[in-house]
Amino acid sequence: TTRADVGKVKSGLEKGNASEAAAAYNSIKGAAGNLGFEEMAELAKKMEMQAKEGSLDGFDTYIAQMETHLDNLLPG
């Protein structure tokens, strides 16, 4: 589910749609927090708050960081 949410963030980024990105990161934040992945949850929270403010600056880097977290948890 989180990989699908990252896809939604990428879609939001391509469209310049900050609210779409914020909604997807809210989902990631909740899932990561529920599973005890605090570093992922904090990154998602930071991204969600920034997107809610209407800014997608630096999201390419944030997405890469989130994908690295996912790859470490779910290789392959």
N, C-alpha and C. Protein backbone atom coordinates (compact mmCIF):
# COMPACT_ATOMS: atom_id res chain seq x y z
N THR A 1 0.82 -1.19 0.00
CA THR A 1 0.00 0.00 0.00
C THR A 1 0.86 1.25 0.00
N THR A 2 1.95 1.23 0.75
CA THR A 2 2.80 2.42 0.83
C THR A 2 3.46 2.72 -0.51
N ARG A 3 3.86 1.67 -1.24
CA ARG A 3 4.43 1.91 -2.57
C ARG A 3 3.39 2.57 -3.48
N ALA A 4 2.14 2.14 -3.38
CA ALA A 4 1.07 2.77 -4.17
C ALA A 4 0.90 4.23 -3.76
N ASP A 5 1.01 4.50 -2.45
CA ASP A 5 0.90 5.89 -1.97
C ASP A 5 2.05 6.74 -2.50
N VAL A 6 3.25 6.17 -2.56
CA VAL A 6 4.38 6.92 -3.12
C VAL A 6 4.09 7.24 -4.59
N GLY A 7 3.46 6.30 -5.30
CA GLY A 7 3.05 6.55 -6.67
C GLY A 7 2.08 7.71 -6.77
N LYS A 8 1.18 7.81 -5.80
CA LYS A 8 0.23 8.92 -5.76
C LYS A 8 0.94 10.25 -5.52
N VAL A 9 1.98 10.22 -4.69
CA VAL A 9 2.76 11.43 -4.45
C VAL A 9 3.46 11.85 -5.74
N LYS A 10 4.04 10.88 -6.44
CA LYS A 10 4.71 11.19 -7.71
C LYS A 10 3.72 11.79 -8.70
N SER A 11 2.52 11.24 -8.74
CA SER A 11 1.49 11.76 -9.63
C SER A 11 1.12 13.19 -9.24
N GLY A 12 0.96 13.42 -7.96
CA GLY A 12 0.67 14.77 -7.47
C GLY A 12 1.78 15.74 -7.82
N LEU A 13 3.02 15.27 -7.70
CA LEU A 13 4.16 16.11 -8.01
C LEU A 13 4.16 16.46 -9.50
N GLU A 14 3.91 15.47 -10.35
CA GLU A 14 3.87 15.71 -11.79
C GLU A 14 2.79 16.71 -12.17
N LYS A 15 1.65 16.65 -11.47
CA LYS A 15 0.53 17.53 -11.76
C LYS A 15 0.65 18.88 -11.04
N GLY A 16 1.61 18.96 -10.11
CA GLY A 16 1.71 20.16 -9.28
C GLY A 16 0.58 20.24 -8.27
N ASN A 17 0.04 19.08 -7.90
CA ASN A 17 -1.11 18.99 -7.00
C ASN A 17 -0.65 18.67 -5.59
N ALA A 18 -0.44 19.70 -4.79
CA ALA A 18 0.06 19.52 -3.43
C ALA A 18 -0.93 18.79 -2.54
N SER A 19 -2.23 19.01 -2.74
CA SER A 19 -3.21 18.35 -1.87
C SER A 19 -3.24 16.85 -2.11
N GLU A 20 -3.03 16.41 -3.35
CA GLU A 20 -2.95 14.98 -3.64
C GLU A 20 -1.74 14.36 -2.95
N ALA A 21 -0.63 15.06 -3.01
CA ALA A 21 0.59 14.58 -2.35
C ALA A 21 0.40 14.53 -0.83
N ALA A 22 -0.23 15.55 -0.27
CA ALA A 22 -0.46 15.60 1.18
C ALA A 22 -1.33 14.43 1.63
N ALA A 23 -2.38 14.13 0.89
CA ALA A 23 -3.27 13.03 1.26
C ALA A 23 -2.53 11.70 1.23
N ALA A 24 -1.70 11.49 0.23
CA ALA A 24 -0.95 10.24 0.14
C ALA A 24 0.06 10.13 1.29
N TYR A 25 0.70 11.23 1.63
CA TYR A 25 1.67 11.16 2.72
C TYR A 25 1.00 11.03 4.08
N ASN A 26 -0.22 11.50 4.20
CA ASN A 26 -0.97 11.26 5.43
C ASN A 26 -1.18 9.76 5.61
N SER A 27 -1.49 9.07 4.54
CA SER A 27 -1.69 7.62 4.58
C SER A 27 -0.40 6.90 4.96
N ILE A 28 0.71 7.32 4.34
CA ILE A 28 2.01 6.71 4.64
C ILE A 28 2.38 6.96 6.10
N LYS A 29 2.16 8.18 6.56
CA LYS A 29 2.48 8.54 7.95
C LYS A 29 1.74 7.63 8.92
N GLY A 30 0.46 7.41 8.68
CA GLY A 30 -0.33 6.56 9.55
C GLY A 30 0.12 5.12 9.54
N ALA A 31 0.37 4.59 8.36
CA ALA A 31 0.80 3.19 8.25
C ALA A 31 2.16 2.99 8.91
N ALA A 32 3.09 3.88 8.63
CA ALA A 32 4.43 3.75 9.20
C ALA A 32 4.39 3.89 10.72
N GLY A 33 3.61 4.83 11.20
CA GLY A 33 3.50 5.02 12.65
C GLY A 33 2.88 3.82 13.34
N ASN A 34 1.85 3.26 12.72
CA ASN A 34 1.19 2.08 13.31
C ASN A 34 2.11 0.88 13.38
N LEU A 35 3.05 0.80 12.46
CA LEU A 35 3.98 -0.34 12.42
C LEU A 35 5.27 -0.06 13.17
N GLY A 36 5.40 1.13 13.74
CA GLY A 36 6.58 1.45 14.53
C GLY A 36 7.77 1.93 13.72
N PHE A 37 7.55 2.32 12.47
CA PHE A 37 8.63 2.83 11.64
C PHE A 37 8.67 4.35 11.78
N GLU A 38 9.21 4.78 12.91
CA GLU A 38 9.15 6.19 13.30
C GLU A 38 9.87 7.11 12.32
N GLU A 39 11.02 6.69 11.80
CA GLU A 39 11.76 7.54 10.88
C GLU A 39 10.94 7.79 9.61
N MET A 40 10.30 6.75 9.09
CA MET A 40 9.44 6.90 7.92
C MET A 40 8.25 7.79 8.25
N ALA A 41 7.65 7.58 9.40
CA ALA A 41 6.49 8.37 9.81
C ALA A 41 6.85 9.84 9.93
N GLU A 42 8.02 10.14 10.48
CA GLU A 42 8.45 11.54 10.63
C GLU A 42 8.70 12.19 9.27
N LEU A 43 9.33 11.44 8.36
CA LEU A 43 9.56 11.96 7.01
C LEU A 43 8.22 12.23 6.33
N ALA A 44 7.30 11.30 6.44
CA ALA A 44 5.98 11.47 5.83
C ALA A 44 5.25 12.67 6.44
N LYS A 45 5.37 12.84 7.75
CA LYS A 45 4.72 13.97 8.42
C LYS A 45 5.28 15.30 7.90
N LYS A 46 6.60 15.36 7.78
CA LYS A 46 7.25 16.57 7.27
C LYS A 46 6.76 16.88 5.86
N MET A 47 6.68 15.85 5.03
CA MET A 47 6.24 16.04 3.65
C MET A 47 4.77 16.44 3.59
N GLU A 48 3.97 15.81 4.43
CA GLU A 48 2.54 16.14 4.46
C GLU A 48 2.32 17.60 4.84
N MET A 49 3.01 18.05 5.88
CA MET A 49 2.85 19.43 6.34
C MET A 49 3.29 20.42 5.26
N GLN A 50 4.40 20.12 4.60
CA GLN A 50 4.89 21.02 3.55
C GLN A 50 3.89 21.06 2.40
N ALA A 51 3.37 19.90 2.01
CA ALA A 51 2.40 19.86 0.91
C ALA A 51 1.11 20.59 1.29
N LYS A 52 0.69 20.47 2.54
CA LYS A 52 -0.51 21.19 2.98
C LYS A 52 -0.33 22.69 2.90
N GLU A 53 0.93 23.14 3.00
CA GLU A 53 1.23 24.56 2.86
C GLU A 53 1.31 24.96 1.39
N GLY A 54 1.17 23.96 0.49
CA GLY A 54 1.16 24.23 -0.94
C GLY A 54 2.50 24.15 -1.63
N SER A 55 3.52 23.69 -0.92
CA SER A 55 4.86 23.62 -1.49
C SER A 55 5.27 22.17 -1.77
N LEU A 56 5.76 21.95 -2.98
CA LEU A 56 6.30 20.64 -3.35
C LEU A 56 7.81 20.72 -3.58
N ASP A 57 8.43 21.79 -3.11
CA ASP A 57 9.87 21.97 -3.27
C ASP A 57 10.63 20.86 -2.55
N GLY A 58 11.57 20.26 -3.24
CA GLY A 58 12.40 19.22 -2.64
C GLY A 58 11.75 17.85 -2.59
N PHE A 59 10.57 17.70 -3.15
CA PHE A 59 9.86 16.43 -3.05
C PHE A 59 10.54 15.29 -3.80
N ASP A 60 11.31 15.62 -4.84
CA ASP A 60 12.06 14.56 -5.53
C ASP A 60 13.01 13.88 -4.53
N THR A 61 13.66 14.69 -3.72
CA THR A 61 14.58 14.15 -2.72
C THR A 61 13.83 13.38 -1.65
N TYR A 62 12.72 13.92 -1.18
CA TYR A 62 11.92 13.24 -0.16
C TYR A 62 11.40 11.89 -0.67
N ILE A 63 10.95 11.87 -1.91
CA ILE A 63 10.45 10.63 -2.49
C ILE A 63 11.56 9.59 -2.55
N ALA A 64 12.74 10.01 -2.96
CA ALA A 64 13.88 9.10 -3.01
C ALA A 64 14.21 8.55 -1.62
N GLN A 65 14.14 9.41 -0.61
CA GLN A 65 14.40 8.96 0.77
C GLN A 65 13.35 7.95 1.21
N MET A 66 12.09 8.21 0.88
CA MET A 66 11.02 7.29 1.27
C MET A 66 11.19 5.96 0.56
N GLU A 67 11.55 5.99 -0.71
CA GLU A 67 11.76 4.75 -1.46
C GLU A 67 12.92 3.96 -0.90
N THR A 68 13.95 4.64 -0.42
CA THR A 68 15.07 3.96 0.22
C THR A 68 14.61 3.25 1.49
N HIS A 69 13.78 3.91 2.28
CA HIS A 69 13.22 3.28 3.48
C HIS A 69 12.43 2.03 3.10
N LEU A 70 11.60 2.16 2.08
CA LEU A 70 10.79 1.02 1.64
C LEU A 70 11.65 -0.12 1.13
N ASP A 71 12.68 0.21 0.36
CA ASP A 71 13.58 -0.83 -0.17
C ASP A 71 14.29 -1.57 0.97
N ASN A 72 14.64 -0.83 2.03
CA ASN A 72 15.28 -1.47 3.17
C ASN A 72 14.33 -2.40 3.93
N LEU A 73 13.05 -2.05 3.93
CA LEU A 73 12.06 -2.87 4.62
C LEU A 73 11.55 -4.02 3.76
N LEU A 74 11.38 -3.74 2.47
CA LEU A 74 10.77 -4.68 1.56
C LEU A 74 11.65 -4.87 0.33
N PRO A 75 12.80 -5.52 0.47
CA PRO A 75 13.68 -5.67 -0.70
C PRO A 75 12.99 -6.48 -1.80
N GLY A 76 13.35 -6.11 -3.03
CA GLY A 76 12.82 -6.86 -4.18
C GLY A 76 11.54 -6.36 -4.56
